[in-house]
Amino acid sequence: MTQRTIPLADGVDLVIDEPSGTSSSDRAALVASAVINEFGGGSGSAVIPLNKKGEFEFKIGYSIFKIYYQYKANRVLGALEAYSAAIQYIENNIHQFDYGLAQKAIEVLRKCYRNELR
């Protein structure tokens, strides 16, 4: 596993232990999945405490990996802010991802964002 720190917002980082050899084209999906896994069933007022941890399964090709993630926050982070920050991270680093996968990840995050607003 390789640990990667992704700055989502000022004072809020997402730390992912991604499988060794994960391509940059899969990273957008990992970021999106970690945010959706944490905030997907919550409400717009959901918050994460400092150093919140979680895990989820992620399929790459024919292999299934258990992904571990952690949010390191110096302040409260709401669900809408987390979705927005993940979208901005992917958009601002689009060259690091497969373009099609990045667009799909953004589409899924925007859908989750809209669902939070309902």
N, C-alpha and C. Protein backbone atom coordinates (compact mmCIF):
# COMPACT_ATOMS: atom_id res chain seq x y z
N MET A 1 0.84 -1.18 0.00
CA MET A 1 0.00 0.00 0.00
C MET A 1 0.89 1.25 0.00
N THR A 2 0.42 2.25 -0.69
CA THR A 2 1.11 3.52 -0.75
C THR A 2 0.20 4.58 -0.13
N GLN A 3 0.72 5.34 0.81
CA GLN A 3 -0.10 6.36 1.44
C GLN A 3 -0.02 7.65 0.63
N ARG A 4 -1.18 8.21 0.31
CA ARG A 4 -1.26 9.45 -0.46
C ARG A 4 -2.13 10.43 0.31
N THR A 5 -1.63 11.67 0.49
CA THR A 5 -2.38 12.72 1.17
C THR A 5 -2.96 13.66 0.12
N ILE A 6 -4.26 13.88 0.21
CA ILE A 6 -4.98 14.72 -0.75
C ILE A 6 -5.60 15.88 0.01
N PRO A 7 -5.14 17.11 -0.24
CA PRO A 7 -5.72 18.27 0.45
C PRO A 7 -7.11 18.57 -0.12
N LEU A 8 -8.15 18.42 0.70
CA LEU A 8 -9.51 18.70 0.24
C LEU A 8 -9.90 20.16 0.45
N ALA A 9 -9.49 20.71 1.56
CA ALA A 9 -9.83 22.09 1.87
C ALA A 9 -8.78 22.61 2.84
N ASP A 10 -8.84 23.89 3.14
CA ASP A 10 -7.90 24.48 4.06
C ASP A 10 -8.03 23.79 5.42
N GLY A 11 -6.99 23.10 5.83
CA GLY A 11 -7.00 22.42 7.11
C GLY A 11 -7.65 21.05 7.11
N VAL A 12 -8.01 20.52 5.93
CA VAL A 12 -8.65 19.21 5.84
C VAL A 12 -7.95 18.38 4.78
N ASP A 13 -7.41 17.24 5.18
CA ASP A 13 -6.73 16.33 4.26
C ASP A 13 -7.44 14.99 4.25
N LEU A 14 -7.43 14.34 3.11
CA LEU A 14 -7.89 12.97 2.97
C LEU A 14 -6.64 12.14 2.74
N VAL A 15 -6.40 11.16 3.60
CA VAL A 15 -5.24 10.28 3.49
C VAL A 15 -5.74 8.92 3.05
N ILE A 16 -5.23 8.43 1.91
CA ILE A 16 -5.65 7.14 1.38
C ILE A 16 -4.46 6.20 1.31
N ASP A 17 -4.64 4.98 1.85
CA ASP A 17 -3.66 3.91 1.64
C ASP A 17 -4.13 3.18 0.40
N GLU A 18 -3.53 3.53 -0.73
CA GLU A 18 -3.98 2.94 -2.00
C GLU A 18 -3.12 1.74 -2.34
N PRO A 19 -3.67 0.81 -3.11
CA PRO A 19 -2.90 -0.38 -3.49
C PRO A 19 -1.62 0.01 -4.23
N SER A 20 -0.56 -0.73 -4.00
CA SER A 20 0.69 -0.48 -4.71
C SER A 20 0.45 -0.60 -6.21
N GLY A 21 1.02 0.30 -6.95
CA GLY A 21 0.88 0.26 -8.39
C GLY A 21 -0.42 0.84 -8.91
N THR A 22 -1.20 1.51 -8.05
CA THR A 22 -2.43 2.13 -8.52
C THR A 22 -2.07 3.20 -9.53
N SER A 23 -2.72 3.15 -10.67
CA SER A 23 -2.42 4.13 -11.71
C SER A 23 -3.11 5.45 -11.39
N SER A 24 -2.57 6.49 -11.96
CA SER A 24 -3.19 7.80 -11.74
C SER A 24 -4.60 7.82 -12.30
N SER A 25 -4.88 6.99 -13.29
CA SER A 25 -6.22 6.96 -13.87
C SER A 25 -7.25 6.40 -12.89
N ASP A 26 -6.83 5.60 -11.91
CA ASP A 26 -7.75 5.06 -10.91
C ASP A 26 -7.89 5.97 -9.69
N ARG A 27 -7.00 6.91 -9.54
CA ARG A 27 -6.97 7.74 -8.34
C ARG A 27 -8.22 8.61 -8.19
N ALA A 28 -8.76 9.14 -9.28
CA ALA A 28 -9.97 9.97 -9.20
C ALA A 28 -11.12 9.16 -8.61
N ALA A 29 -11.23 7.91 -9.01
CA ALA A 29 -12.28 7.06 -8.48
C ALA A 29 -12.06 6.77 -7.00
N LEU A 30 -10.81 6.61 -6.59
CA LEU A 30 -10.52 6.39 -5.17
C LEU A 30 -10.92 7.59 -4.33
N VAL A 31 -10.58 8.79 -4.80
CA VAL A 31 -10.93 10.02 -4.07
C VAL A 31 -12.44 10.13 -3.97
N ALA A 32 -13.11 9.96 -5.10
CA ALA A 32 -14.57 10.06 -5.11
C ALA A 32 -15.19 9.01 -4.18
N SER A 33 -14.70 7.78 -4.24
CA SER A 33 -15.24 6.71 -3.42
C SER A 33 -15.06 6.97 -1.94
N ALA A 34 -13.90 7.49 -1.54
CA ALA A 34 -13.66 7.77 -0.12
C ALA A 34 -14.61 8.85 0.40
N VAL A 35 -14.85 9.88 -0.41
CA VAL A 35 -15.76 10.95 0.01
C VAL A 35 -17.20 10.43 0.05
N ILE A 36 -17.60 9.69 -0.98
CA ILE A 36 -18.96 9.16 -1.03
C ILE A 36 -19.18 8.15 0.09
N ASN A 37 -18.18 7.31 0.37
CA ASN A 37 -18.30 6.32 1.43
C ASN A 37 -18.58 6.98 2.78
N GLU A 38 -17.96 8.11 3.02
CA GLU A 38 -18.12 8.79 4.31
C GLU A 38 -19.39 9.61 4.38
N PHE A 39 -19.73 10.29 3.28
CA PHE A 39 -20.82 11.24 3.33
C PHE A 39 -22.05 10.81 2.55
N GLY A 40 -22.00 9.68 1.85
CA GLY A 40 -23.06 9.26 0.95
C GLY A 40 -24.44 9.11 1.59
N GLY A 41 -24.52 8.67 2.80
CA GLY A 41 -25.83 8.47 3.42
C GLY A 41 -26.18 9.53 4.43
N GLY A 42 -25.36 10.54 4.52
CA GLY A 42 -25.57 11.56 5.54
C GLY A 42 -26.45 12.68 5.09
N SER A 43 -26.44 13.72 5.86
CA SER A 43 -27.19 14.92 5.50
C SER A 43 -26.21 16.05 5.29
N GLY A 44 -26.70 17.15 4.78
CA GLY A 44 -25.84 18.30 4.51
C GLY A 44 -25.18 18.85 5.76
N SER A 45 -25.71 18.50 6.92
CA SER A 45 -25.13 19.00 8.16
C SER A 45 -24.15 18.00 8.77
N ALA A 46 -23.87 16.90 8.04
CA ALA A 46 -22.93 15.90 8.56
C ALA A 46 -21.55 16.52 8.76
N VAL A 47 -20.90 16.10 9.80
CA VAL A 47 -19.56 16.61 10.07
C VAL A 47 -18.65 15.44 10.39
N ILE A 48 -17.36 15.63 10.22
CA ILE A 48 -16.42 14.59 10.61
C ILE A 48 -15.57 15.09 11.76
N PRO A 49 -15.30 14.24 12.72
CA PRO A 49 -14.40 14.63 13.79
C PRO A 49 -12.96 14.57 13.30
N LEU A 50 -12.06 15.07 14.09
CA LEU A 50 -10.65 15.01 13.74
C LEU A 50 -10.23 13.56 13.55
N ASN A 51 -9.42 13.31 12.52
CA ASN A 51 -8.84 11.99 12.27
C ASN A 51 -9.87 10.88 12.16
N LYS A 52 -10.94 11.11 11.45
CA LYS A 52 -11.96 10.09 11.17
C LYS A 52 -11.39 9.06 10.21
N LYS A 53 -11.61 7.76 10.48
CA LYS A 53 -11.06 6.68 9.66
C LYS A 53 -12.19 5.82 9.11
N GLY A 54 -11.92 5.16 7.99
CA GLY A 54 -12.89 4.25 7.41
C GLY A 54 -12.22 3.34 6.40
N GLU A 55 -13.03 2.48 5.80
CA GLU A 55 -12.52 1.57 4.78
C GLU A 55 -13.64 1.21 3.83
N PHE A 56 -13.28 0.78 2.63
CA PHE A 56 -14.25 0.32 1.65
C PHE A 56 -13.52 -0.58 0.67
N GLU A 57 -14.28 -1.38 -0.07
CA GLU A 57 -13.69 -2.25 -1.09
C GLU A 57 -13.75 -1.53 -2.43
N PHE A 58 -12.71 -1.73 -3.23
CA PHE A 58 -12.61 -1.06 -4.52
C PHE A 58 -12.09 -2.06 -5.54
N LYS A 59 -12.75 -2.15 -6.68
CA LYS A 59 -12.35 -3.10 -7.71
C LYS A 59 -11.52 -2.38 -8.77
N ILE A 60 -10.33 -2.92 -9.05
CA ILE A 60 -9.47 -2.43 -10.12
C ILE A 60 -9.17 -3.63 -11.01
N GLY A 61 -9.69 -3.58 -12.21
CA GLY A 61 -9.56 -4.73 -13.10
C GLY A 61 -10.29 -5.92 -12.51
N TYR A 62 -9.58 -7.02 -12.34
CA TYR A 62 -10.18 -8.22 -11.77
C TYR A 62 -9.84 -8.39 -10.29
N SER A 63 -9.18 -7.41 -9.71
CA SER A 63 -8.78 -7.50 -8.31
C SER A 63 -9.65 -6.60 -7.44
N ILE A 64 -9.95 -7.06 -6.24
CA ILE A 64 -10.71 -6.26 -5.28
C ILE A 64 -9.77 -5.92 -4.13
N PHE A 65 -9.67 -4.64 -3.82
CA PHE A 65 -8.79 -4.16 -2.77
C PHE A 65 -9.62 -3.55 -1.65
N LYS A 66 -9.12 -3.66 -0.44
CA LYS A 66 -9.72 -2.96 0.69
C LYS A 66 -8.93 -1.67 0.85
N ILE A 67 -9.61 -0.55 0.69
CA ILE A 67 -8.97 0.77 0.75
C ILE A 67 -9.22 1.36 2.14
N TYR A 68 -8.18 1.83 2.76
CA TYR A 68 -8.29 2.47 4.07
C TYR A 68 -8.07 3.97 3.86
N TYR A 69 -8.89 4.78 4.54
CA TYR A 69 -8.75 6.22 4.40
C TYR A 69 -8.91 6.89 5.76
N GLN A 70 -8.46 8.11 5.82
CA GLN A 70 -8.55 8.89 7.05
C GLN A 70 -8.68 10.36 6.67
N TYR A 71 -9.56 11.05 7.37
CA TYR A 71 -9.66 12.50 7.22
C TYR A 71 -8.92 13.13 8.38
N LYS A 72 -8.02 14.02 8.08
CA LYS A 72 -7.33 14.78 9.12
C LYS A 72 -7.86 16.21 9.02
N ALA A 73 -8.60 16.62 10.02
CA ALA A 73 -9.25 17.93 9.95
C ALA A 73 -8.91 18.77 11.16
N ASN A 74 -8.60 20.01 10.91
CA ASN A 74 -8.38 20.96 11.98
C ASN A 74 -9.66 21.73 12.28
N ARG A 75 -10.73 21.41 11.55
CA ARG A 75 -12.01 22.06 11.75
C ARG A 75 -13.11 21.12 11.27
N VAL A 76 -14.33 21.49 11.52
CA VAL A 76 -15.48 20.69 11.11
C VAL A 76 -15.65 20.77 9.60
N LEU A 77 -15.99 19.65 8.98
CA LEU A 77 -16.18 19.59 7.54
C LEU A 77 -17.56 19.03 7.25
N GLY A 78 -18.39 19.78 6.55
CA GLY A 78 -19.73 19.33 6.21
C GLY A 78 -19.72 18.51 4.94
N ALA A 79 -20.80 17.74 4.73
CA ALA A 79 -20.89 16.87 3.55
C ALA A 79 -20.80 17.67 2.26
N LEU A 80 -21.53 18.77 2.16
CA LEU A 80 -21.51 19.56 0.93
C LEU A 80 -20.13 20.12 0.65
N GLU A 81 -19.45 20.52 1.70
CA GLU A 81 -18.09 21.04 1.55
C GLU A 81 -17.13 19.93 1.10
N ALA A 82 -17.33 18.73 1.61
CA ALA A 82 -16.47 17.60 1.23
C ALA A 82 -16.66 17.25 -0.24
N TYR A 83 -17.91 17.18 -0.69
CA TYR A 83 -18.16 16.91 -2.11
C TYR A 83 -17.54 17.98 -2.98
N SER A 84 -17.77 19.23 -2.62
CA SER A 84 -17.24 20.35 -3.40
C SER A 84 -15.72 20.31 -3.45
N ALA A 85 -15.10 20.04 -2.32
CA ALA A 85 -13.63 20.01 -2.26
C ALA A 85 -13.08 18.86 -3.10
N ALA A 86 -13.72 17.71 -3.08
CA ALA A 86 -13.26 16.58 -3.89
C ALA A 86 -13.39 16.89 -5.38
N ILE A 87 -14.50 17.51 -5.76
CA ILE A 87 -14.69 17.91 -7.16
C ILE A 87 -13.60 18.89 -7.57
N GLN A 88 -13.35 19.89 -6.75
CA GLN A 88 -12.32 20.89 -7.06
C GLN A 88 -10.95 20.25 -7.16
N TYR A 89 -10.65 19.31 -6.26
CA TYR A 89 -9.34 18.64 -6.30
C TYR A 89 -9.16 17.92 -7.63
N ILE A 90 -10.18 17.18 -8.03
CA ILE A 90 -10.08 16.44 -9.30
C ILE A 90 -9.95 17.41 -10.47
N GLU A 91 -10.79 18.45 -10.49
CA GLU A 91 -10.74 19.43 -11.58
C GLU A 91 -9.40 20.16 -11.65
N ASN A 92 -8.84 20.49 -10.49
CA ASN A 92 -7.57 21.23 -10.45
C ASN A 92 -6.36 20.36 -10.74
N ASN A 93 -6.53 19.04 -10.68
CA ASN A 93 -5.43 18.10 -10.93
C ASN A 93 -5.78 17.14 -12.05
N ILE A 94 -6.57 17.60 -13.00
CA ILE A 94 -7.11 16.75 -14.06
C ILE A 94 -6.00 16.02 -14.82
N HIS A 95 -4.82 16.62 -14.90
CA HIS A 95 -3.70 15.99 -15.62
C HIS A 95 -3.18 14.73 -14.91
N GLN A 96 -3.56 14.54 -13.65
CA GLN A 96 -3.10 13.37 -12.89
C GLN A 96 -4.02 12.15 -13.08
N PHE A 97 -5.13 12.34 -13.76
CA PHE A 97 -6.13 11.29 -13.88
C PHE A 97 -6.45 10.98 -15.33
N ASP A 98 -6.97 9.80 -15.56
CA ASP A 98 -7.57 9.47 -16.84
C ASP A 98 -8.76 10.42 -17.01
N TYR A 99 -8.84 11.10 -18.14
CA TYR A 99 -9.85 12.14 -18.33
C TYR A 99 -11.27 11.58 -18.18
N GLY A 100 -11.55 10.46 -18.81
CA GLY A 100 -12.89 9.87 -18.74
C GLY A 100 -13.28 9.47 -17.33
N LEU A 101 -12.34 8.86 -16.60
CA LEU A 101 -12.61 8.45 -15.23
C LEU A 101 -12.79 9.67 -14.33
N ALA A 102 -11.99 10.70 -14.55
CA ALA A 102 -12.13 11.92 -13.76
C ALA A 102 -13.49 12.56 -13.98
N GLN A 103 -13.94 12.60 -15.24
CA GLN A 103 -15.25 13.18 -15.55
C GLN A 103 -16.37 12.36 -14.90
N LYS A 104 -16.24 11.04 -14.91
CA LYS A 104 -17.24 10.18 -14.27
C LYS A 104 -17.25 10.40 -12.76
N ALA A 105 -16.06 10.51 -12.15
CA ALA A 105 -15.98 10.75 -10.70
C ALA A 105 -16.64 12.08 -10.35
N ILE A 106 -16.38 13.11 -11.13
CA ILE A 106 -16.99 14.43 -10.90
C ILE A 106 -18.51 14.33 -11.05
N GLU A 107 -18.96 13.61 -12.06
CA GLU A 107 -20.41 13.44 -12.28
C GLU A 107 -21.07 12.77 -11.07
N VAL A 108 -20.44 11.72 -10.55
CA VAL A 108 -20.98 11.01 -9.39
C VAL A 108 -20.98 11.92 -8.16
N LEU A 109 -19.90 12.64 -7.94
CA LEU A 109 -19.83 13.55 -6.80
C LEU A 109 -20.88 14.66 -6.91
N ARG A 110 -21.09 15.19 -8.10
CA ARG A 110 -22.12 16.23 -8.28
C ARG A 110 -23.51 15.67 -8.01
N LYS A 111 -23.75 14.43 -8.41
CA LYS A 111 -25.04 13.80 -8.13
C LYS A 111 -25.25 13.66 -6.62
N CYS A 112 -24.22 13.23 -5.92
CA CYS A 112 -24.30 13.12 -4.46
C CYS A 112 -24.54 14.49 -3.83
N TYR A 113 -23.86 15.50 -4.36
CA TYR A 113 -24.00 16.87 -3.87
C TYR A 113 -25.46 17.32 -4.02
N ARG A 114 -26.02 17.09 -5.21
CA ARG A 114 -27.42 17.48 -5.46
C ARG A 114 -28.37 16.72 -4.53
N ASN A 115 -28.08 15.44 -4.29
CA ASN A 115 -28.92 14.66 -3.38
C ASN A 115 -28.89 15.20 -1.96
N GLU A 116 -27.75 15.73 -1.55
CA GLU A 116 -27.62 16.33 -0.22
C GLU A 116 -28.49 17.57 -0.09
N LEU A 117 -28.69 18.28 -1.19
CA LEU A 117 -29.46 19.51 -1.17
C LEU A 117 -30.97 19.24 -1.04
N ARG A 118 -31.40 18.02 -1.32
CA ARG A 118 -32.84 17.68 -1.25
C ARG A 118 -33.29 17.49 0.17
